[in-house]
Amino acid sequence: LRTRNEFSFMLTLKGLGATGSRKFASI
């Protein structure tokens, strides 16, 4: 972005619970 850079990651293990993210959904 103009004001900052963002690095993110999410690990999903089936059955151990995960949630959605607006950031990931937009990409």
PDB file of all heavy atoms in Angstrom:
ATOM      1  N   LEU A   1       0.838  -1.190   0.000  1.00  0.00           N
ATOM      2  CA  LEU A   1       0.000   0.000   0.000  1.00  0.00           C
ATOM      3  C   LEU A   1       0.879   1.248   0.000  1.00  0.00           C
ATOM      4  O   LEU A   1       2.096   1.177   0.147  1.00  0.00           O
ATOM      5  CB  LEU A   1      -0.912   0.006   1.233  1.00  0.00           C
ATOM      6  CG  LEU A   1      -1.789  -1.229   1.429  1.00  0.00           C
ATOM      7  CD1 LEU A   1      -2.527  -1.132   2.745  1.00  0.00           C
ATOM      8  CD2 LEU A   1      -2.755  -1.380   0.270  1.00  0.00           C
ATOM      9  N   ARG A   2       0.232   2.404  -0.155  1.00  0.00           N
ATOM     10  CA  ARG A   2       0.992   3.648  -0.159  1.00  0.00           C
ATOM     11  C   ARG A   2       1.664   3.916   1.188  1.00  0.00           C
ATOM     12  O   ARG A   2       2.770   4.443   1.258  1.00  0.00           O
ATOM     13  CB  ARG A   2       0.064   4.817  -0.505  1.00  0.00           C
ATOM     14  CG  ARG A   2      -0.354   4.865  -1.973  1.00  0.00           C
ATOM     15  CD  ARG A   2      -1.261   6.048  -2.211  1.00  0.00           C
ATOM     16  NE  ARG A   2      -1.590   6.182  -3.626  1.00  0.00           N
ATOM     17  CZ  ARG A   2      -2.405   7.120  -4.111  1.00  0.00           C
ATOM     18  NH1 ARG A   2      -2.987   7.983  -3.292  1.00  0.00           N
ATOM     19  NH2 ARG A   2      -2.646   7.195  -5.410  1.00  0.00           N
ATOM     20  N   THR A   3       0.971   3.563   2.269  1.00  0.00           N
ATOM     21  CA  THR A   3       1.461   3.909   3.603  1.00  0.00           C
ATOM     22  C   THR A   3       2.151   2.764   4.323  1.00  0.00           C
ATOM     23  O   THR A   3       2.799   2.993   5.340  1.00  0.00           O
ATOM     24  CB  THR A   3       0.294   4.401   4.475  1.00  0.00           C
ATOM     25  OG1 THR A   3      -0.711   3.367   4.551  1.00  0.00           O
ATOM     26  CG2 THR A   3      -0.329   5.650   3.879  1.00  0.00           C
ATOM     27  N   ARG A   4       2.001   1.524   3.834  1.00  0.00           N
ATOM     28  CA  ARG A   4       2.593   0.403   4.553  1.00  0.00           C
ATOM     29  C   ARG A   4       2.600  -0.839   3.663  1.00  0.00           C
ATOM     30  O   ARG A   4       1.922  -0.894   2.636  1.00  0.00           O
ATOM     31  CB  ARG A   4       1.799   0.100   5.820  1.00  0.00           C
ATOM     32  CG  ARG A   4       0.382  -0.392   5.583  1.00  0.00           C
ATOM     33  CD  ARG A   4      -0.388  -0.474   6.892  1.00  0.00           C
ATOM     34  NE  ARG A   4      -1.670  -1.122   6.749  1.00  0.00           N
ATOM     35  CZ  ARG A   4      -2.795  -0.497   6.396  1.00  0.00           C
ATOM     36  NH1 ARG A   4      -2.768   0.798   6.129  1.00  0.00           N
ATOM     37  NH2 ARG A   4      -3.944  -1.161   6.308  1.00  0.00           N
ATOM     38  N   ASN A   5       3.387  -1.803   4.077  1.00  0.00           N
ATOM     39  CA  ASN A   5       3.399  -3.121   3.448  1.00  0.00           C
ATOM     40  C   ASN A   5       2.932  -4.147   4.467  1.00  0.00           C
ATOM     41  O   ASN A   5       3.281  -4.050   5.649  1.00  0.00           O
ATOM     42  CB  ASN A   5       4.802  -3.484   2.953  1.00  0.00           C
ATOM     43  CG  ASN A   5       5.313  -2.502   1.916  1.00  0.00           C
ATOM     44  OD1 ASN A   5       4.546  -1.986   1.126  1.00  0.00           O
ATOM     45  ND2 ASN A   5       6.616  -2.224   1.944  1.00  0.00           N
ATOM     46  N   GLU A   6       2.142  -5.123   4.013  1.00  0.00           N
ATOM     47  CA  GLU A   6       1.582  -6.126   4.915  1.00  0.00           C
ATOM     48  C   GLU A   6       1.933  -7.524   4.410  1.00  0.00           C
ATOM     49  O   GLU A   6       1.724  -7.835   3.228  1.00  0.00           O
ATOM     50  CB  GLU A   6       0.056  -6.004   4.990  1.00  0.00           C
ATOM     51  CG  GLU A   6      -0.450  -4.690   5.544  1.00  0.00           C
ATOM     52  CD  GLU A   6      -0.507  -4.678   7.051  1.00  0.00           C
ATOM     53  OE1 GLU A   6      -0.227  -5.733   7.656  1.00  0.00           O
ATOM     54  OE2 GLU A   6      -0.834  -3.627   7.619  1.00  0.00           O
ATOM     55  N   PHE A   7       2.462  -8.343   5.316  1.00  0.00           N
ATOM     56  CA  PHE A   7       2.699  -9.755   5.023  1.00  0.00           C
ATOM     57  C   PHE A   7       1.881 -10.576   6.006  1.00  0.00           C
ATOM     58  O   PHE A   7       1.947 -10.352   7.215  1.00  0.00           O
ATOM     59  CB  PHE A   7       4.186 -10.088   5.172  1.00  0.00           C
ATOM     60  CG  PHE A   7       4.481 -11.565   5.069  1.00  0.00           C
ATOM     61  CD1 PHE A   7       4.546 -12.189   3.837  1.00  0.00           C
ATOM     62  CD2 PHE A   7       4.678 -12.330   6.208  1.00  0.00           C
ATOM     63  CE1 PHE A   7       4.805 -13.546   3.746  1.00  0.00           C
ATOM     64  CE2 PHE A   7       4.939 -13.685   6.134  1.00  0.00           C
ATOM     65  CZ  PHE A   7       5.003 -14.290   4.888  1.00  0.00           C
ATOM     66  N   SER A   8       1.084 -11.518   5.497  1.00  0.00           N
ATOM     67  CA  SER A   8       0.213 -12.324   6.360  1.00  0.00           C
ATOM     68  C   SER A   8       0.220 -13.766   5.905  1.00  0.00           C
ATOM     69  O   SER A   8       0.410 -14.056   4.714  1.00  0.00           O
ATOM     70  CB  SER A   8      -1.230 -11.793   6.331  1.00  0.00           C
ATOM     71  OG  SER A   8      -1.297 -10.446   6.725  1.00  0.00           O
ATOM     72  N   PHE A   9      -0.002 -14.664   6.856  1.00  0.00           N
ATOM     73  CA  PHE A   9      -0.210 -16.061   6.472  1.00  0.00           C
ATOM     74  C   PHE A   9      -1.145 -16.729   7.467  1.00  0.00           C
ATOM     75  O   PHE A   9      -1.279 -16.305   8.622  1.00  0.00           O
ATOM     76  CB  PHE A   9       1.117 -16.827   6.358  1.00  0.00           C
ATOM     77  CG  PHE A   9       1.753 -17.187   7.666  1.00  0.00           C
ATOM     78  CD1 PHE A   9       1.478 -18.395   8.280  1.00  0.00           C
ATOM     79  CD2 PHE A   9       2.632 -16.313   8.275  1.00  0.00           C
ATOM     80  CE1 PHE A   9       2.070 -18.731   9.481  1.00  0.00           C
ATOM     81  CE2 PHE A   9       3.233 -16.646   9.481  1.00  0.00           C
ATOM     82  CZ  PHE A   9       2.953 -17.857  10.085  1.00  0.00           C
ATOM     83  N   MET A  10      -1.814 -17.756   6.996  1.00  0.00           N
ATOM     84  CA  MET A  10      -2.747 -18.513   7.828  1.00  0.00           C
ATOM     85  C   MET A  10      -2.598 -19.988   7.500  1.00  0.00           C
ATOM     86  O   MET A  10      -2.595 -20.377   6.321  1.00  0.00           O
ATOM     87  CB  MET A  10      -4.195 -18.067   7.575  1.00  0.00           C
ATOM     88  CG  MET A  10      -5.211 -18.825   8.425  1.00  0.00           C
ATOM     89  SD  MET A  10      -6.907 -18.180   8.232  1.00  0.00           S
ATOM     90  CE  MET A  10      -7.256 -18.722   6.552  1.00  0.00           C
ATOM     91  N   LEU A  11      -2.460 -20.794   8.534  1.00  0.00           N
ATOM     92  CA  LEU A  11      -2.376 -22.244   8.404  1.00  0.00           C
ATOM     93  C   LEU A  11      -3.715 -22.842   8.787  1.00  0.00           C
ATOM     94  O   LEU A  11      -4.300 -22.479   9.802  1.00  0.00           O
ATOM     95  CB  LEU A  11      -1.270 -22.794   9.314  1.00  0.00           C
ATOM     96  CG  LEU A  11      -1.082 -24.318   9.321  1.00  0.00           C
ATOM     97  CD1 LEU A  11      -0.551 -24.780   7.972  1.00  0.00           C
ATOM     98  CD2 LEU A  11      -0.144 -24.723  10.448  1.00  0.00           C
ATOM     99  N   THR A  12      -4.211 -23.755   7.971  1.00  0.00           N
ATOM    100  CA  THR A  12      -5.484 -24.419   8.229  1.00  0.00           C
ATOM    101  C   THR A  12      -5.257 -25.915   8.337  1.00  0.00           C
ATOM    102  O   THR A  12      -4.689 -26.519   7.422  1.00  0.00           O
ATOM    103  CB  THR A  12      -6.494 -24.142   7.100  1.00  0.00           C
ATOM    104  OG1 THR A  12      -6.691 -22.746   6.973  1.00  0.00           O
ATOM    105  CG2 THR A  12      -7.827 -24.805   7.404  1.00  0.00           C
ATOM    106  N   LEU A  13      -5.656 -26.488   9.454  1.00  0.00           N
ATOM    107  CA  LEU A  13      -5.644 -27.933   9.624  1.00  0.00           C
ATOM    108  C   LEU A  13      -7.084 -28.396   9.645  1.00  0.00           C
ATOM    109  O   LEU A  13      -7.877 -27.936  10.463  1.00  0.00           O
ATOM    110  CB  LEU A  13      -4.946 -28.321  10.930  1.00  0.00           C
ATOM    111  CG  LEU A  13      -3.483 -27.872  11.054  1.00  0.00           C
ATOM    112  CD1 LEU A  13      -2.927 -28.312  12.390  1.00  0.00           C
ATOM    113  CD2 LEU A  13      -2.656 -28.431   9.914  1.00  0.00           C
ATOM    114  N   LYS A  14      -7.437 -29.296   8.776  1.00  0.00           N
ATOM    115  CA  LYS A  14      -8.829 -29.703   8.637  1.00  0.00           C
ATOM    116  C   LYS A  14      -9.369 -30.211   9.961  1.00  0.00           C
ATOM    117  O   LYS A  14      -8.803 -31.086  10.592  1.00  0.00           O
ATOM    118  CB  LYS A  14      -8.962 -30.798   7.574  1.00  0.00           C
ATOM    119  CG  LYS A  14     -10.395 -31.239   7.373  1.00  0.00           C
ATOM    120  CD  LYS A  14     -10.506 -32.306   6.310  1.00  0.00           C
ATOM    121  CE  LYS A  14     -11.942 -32.761   6.166  1.00  0.00           C
ATOM    122  NZ  LYS A  14     -12.095 -33.831   5.175  1.00  0.00           N
ATOM    123  N   GLY A  15     -10.492 -29.614  10.369  1.00  0.00           N
ATOM    124  CA  GLY A  15     -11.145 -30.044  11.594  1.00  0.00           C
ATOM    125  C   GLY A  15     -10.688 -29.322  12.838  1.00  0.00           C
ATOM    126  O   GLY A  15     -11.385 -29.318  13.837  1.00  0.00           O
ATOM    127  N   LEU A  16      -9.487 -28.680  12.801  1.00  0.00           N
ATOM    128  CA  LEU A  16      -9.004 -27.996  13.989  1.00  0.00           C
ATOM    129  C   LEU A  16      -9.463 -26.545  14.043  1.00  0.00           C
ATOM    130  O   LEU A  16      -9.037 -25.797  14.907  1.00  0.00           O
ATOM    131  CB  LEU A  16      -7.474 -28.045  14.042  1.00  0.00           C
ATOM    132  CG  LEU A  16      -6.893 -29.422  14.370  1.00  0.00           C
ATOM    133  CD1 LEU A  16      -5.388 -29.352  14.444  1.00  0.00           C
ATOM    134  CD2 LEU A  16      -7.451 -29.950  15.677  1.00  0.00           C
ATOM    135  N   GLY A  17     -10.314 -26.137  13.101  1.00  0.00           N
ATOM    136  CA  GLY A  17     -10.917 -24.816  13.180  1.00  0.00           C
ATOM    137  C   GLY A  17     -10.183 -23.802  12.340  1.00  0.00           C
ATOM    138  O   GLY A  17      -8.976 -23.678  12.388  1.00  0.00           O
ATOM    139  N   ALA A  18     -10.918 -23.040  11.534  1.00  0.00           N
ATOM    140  CA  ALA A  18     -10.358 -21.964  10.733  1.00  0.00           C
ATOM    141  C   ALA A  18     -11.426 -20.912  10.564  1.00  0.00           C
ATOM    142  O   ALA A  18     -12.610 -21.166  10.739  1.00  0.00           O
ATOM    143  CB  ALA A  18      -9.892 -22.496   9.373  1.00  0.00           C
ATOM    144  N   THR A  19     -10.995 -19.721  10.229  1.00  0.00           N
ATOM    145  CA  THR A  19     -11.939 -18.630  10.030  1.00  0.00           C
ATOM    146  C   THR A  19     -11.594 -17.902   8.754  1.00  0.00           C
ATOM    147  O   THR A  19     -10.453 -17.938   8.293  1.00  0.00           O
ATOM    148  CB  THR A  19     -11.913 -17.660  11.220  1.00  0.00           C
ATOM    149  OG1 THR A  19     -12.919 -16.663  11.022  1.00  0.00           O
ATOM    150  CG2 THR A  19     -10.571 -16.957  11.333  1.00  0.00           C
ATOM    151  N   GLY A  20     -12.577 -17.229   8.164  1.00  0.00           N
ATOM    152  CA  GLY A  20     -12.338 -16.480   6.952  1.00  0.00           C
ATOM    153  C   GLY A  20     -11.692 -15.139   7.244  1.00  0.00           C
ATOM    154  O   GLY A  20     -11.618 -14.688   8.380  1.00  0.00           O
ATOM    155  N   SER A  21     -11.209 -14.481   6.217  1.00  0.00           N
ATOM    156  CA  SER A  21     -10.582 -13.178   6.339  1.00  0.00           C
ATOM    157  C   SER A  21     -10.985 -12.339   5.149  1.00  0.00           C
ATOM    158  O   SER A  21     -10.943 -12.807   4.008  1.00  0.00           O
ATOM    159  CB  SER A  21      -9.052 -13.320   6.400  1.00  0.00           C
ATOM    160  OG  SER A  21      -8.420 -12.080   6.209  1.00  0.00           O
ATOM    161  N   ARG A  22     -11.386 -11.085   5.398  1.00  0.00           N
ATOM    162  CA  ARG A  22     -11.747 -10.207   4.289  1.00  0.00           C
ATOM    163  C   ARG A  22     -10.552  -9.986   3.379  1.00  0.00           C
ATOM    164  O   ARG A  22     -10.688  -9.870   2.169  1.00  0.00           O
ATOM    165  CB  ARG A  22     -12.243  -8.873   4.845  1.00  0.00           C
ATOM    166  CG  ARG A  22     -13.583  -8.961   5.571  1.00  0.00           C
ATOM    167  CD  ARG A  22     -13.960  -7.610   6.137  1.00  0.00           C
ATOM    168  NE  ARG A  22     -15.184  -7.688   6.921  1.00  0.00           N
ATOM    169  CZ  ARG A  22     -15.638  -6.696   7.675  1.00  0.00           C
ATOM    170  NH1 ARG A  22     -14.957  -5.558   7.745  1.00  0.00           N
ATOM    171  NH2 ARG A  22     -16.754  -6.832   8.365  1.00  0.00           N
ATOM    172  N   LYS A  23      -9.360  -9.898   3.985  1.00  0.00           N
ATOM    173  CA  LYS A  23      -8.162  -9.683   3.191  1.00  0.00           C
ATOM    174  C   LYS A  23      -7.932 -10.839   2.221  1.00  0.00           C
ATOM    175  O   LYS A  23      -7.710 -10.644   1.026  1.00  0.00           O
ATOM    176  CB  LYS A  23      -6.955  -9.536   4.111  1.00  0.00           C
ATOM    177  CG  LYS A  23      -5.637  -9.318   3.374  1.00  0.00           C
ATOM    178  CD  LYS A  23      -4.438  -9.554   4.273  1.00  0.00           C
ATOM    179  CE  LYS A  23      -4.481  -8.695   5.496  1.00  0.00           C
ATOM    180  NZ  LYS A  23      -3.282  -8.843   6.337  1.00  0.00           N
ATOM    181  N   PHE A  24      -7.989 -12.073   2.722  1.00  0.00           N
ATOM    182  CA  PHE A  24      -7.760 -13.229   1.872  1.00  0.00           C
ATOM    183  C   PHE A  24      -8.879 -13.371   0.836  1.00  0.00           C
ATOM    184  O   PHE A  24      -8.632 -13.729  -0.314  1.00  0.00           O
ATOM    185  CB  PHE A  24      -7.657 -14.501   2.711  1.00  0.00           C
ATOM    186  CG  PHE A  24      -6.487 -14.498   3.660  1.00  0.00           C
ATOM    187  CD1 PHE A  24      -6.550 -15.186   4.856  1.00  0.00           C
ATOM    188  CD2 PHE A  24      -5.337 -13.802   3.366  1.00  0.00           C
ATOM    189  CE1 PHE A  24      -5.480 -15.188   5.740  1.00  0.00           C
ATOM    190  CE2 PHE A  24      -4.256 -13.791   4.238  1.00  0.00           C
ATOM    191  CZ  PHE A  24      -4.325 -14.486   5.426  1.00  0.00           C
ATOM    192  N   ALA A  25     -10.123 -13.090   1.257  1.00  0.00           N
ATOM    193  CA  ALA A  25     -11.256 -13.227   0.333  1.00  0.00           C
ATOM    194  C   ALA A  25     -11.163 -12.238  -0.818  1.00  0.00           C
ATOM    195  O   ALA A  25     -11.586 -12.534  -1.940  1.00  0.00           O
ATOM    196  CB  ALA A  25     -12.573 -13.031   1.091  1.00  0.00           C
ATOM    197  N   SER A  26     -10.614 -11.048  -0.593  1.00  0.00           N
ATOM    198  CA  SER A  26     -10.518 -10.057  -1.658  1.00  0.00           C
ATOM    199  C   SER A  26      -9.457 -10.423  -2.686  1.00  0.00           C
ATOM    200  O   SER A  26      -9.491  -9.932  -3.815  1.00  0.00           O
ATOM    201  CB  SER A  26     -10.199  -8.680  -1.061  1.00  0.00           C
ATOM    202  OG  SER A  26      -8.913  -8.673  -0.463  1.00  0.00           O
ATOM    203  N   ILE A  27      -8.510 -11.279  -2.325  1.00  0.00           N
ATOM    204  CA  ILE A  27      -7.461 -11.693  -3.254  1.00  0.00           C
ATOM    205  C   ILE A  27      -7.842 -12.995  -3.947  1.00  0.00           C
ATOM    206  O   ILE A  27      -7.707 -13.130  -5.159  1.00  0.00           O
ATOM    207  CB  ILE A  27      -6.123 -11.846  -2.513  1.00  0.00           C
ATOM    208  CG1 ILE A  27      -5.708 -10.500  -1.917  1.00  0.00           C
ATOM    209  CG2 ILE A  27      -5.042 -12.373  -3.447  1.00  0.00           C
ATOM    210  CD1 ILE A  27      -4.457 -10.566  -1.081  1.00  0.00           C
TER     211      ILE A  27
END
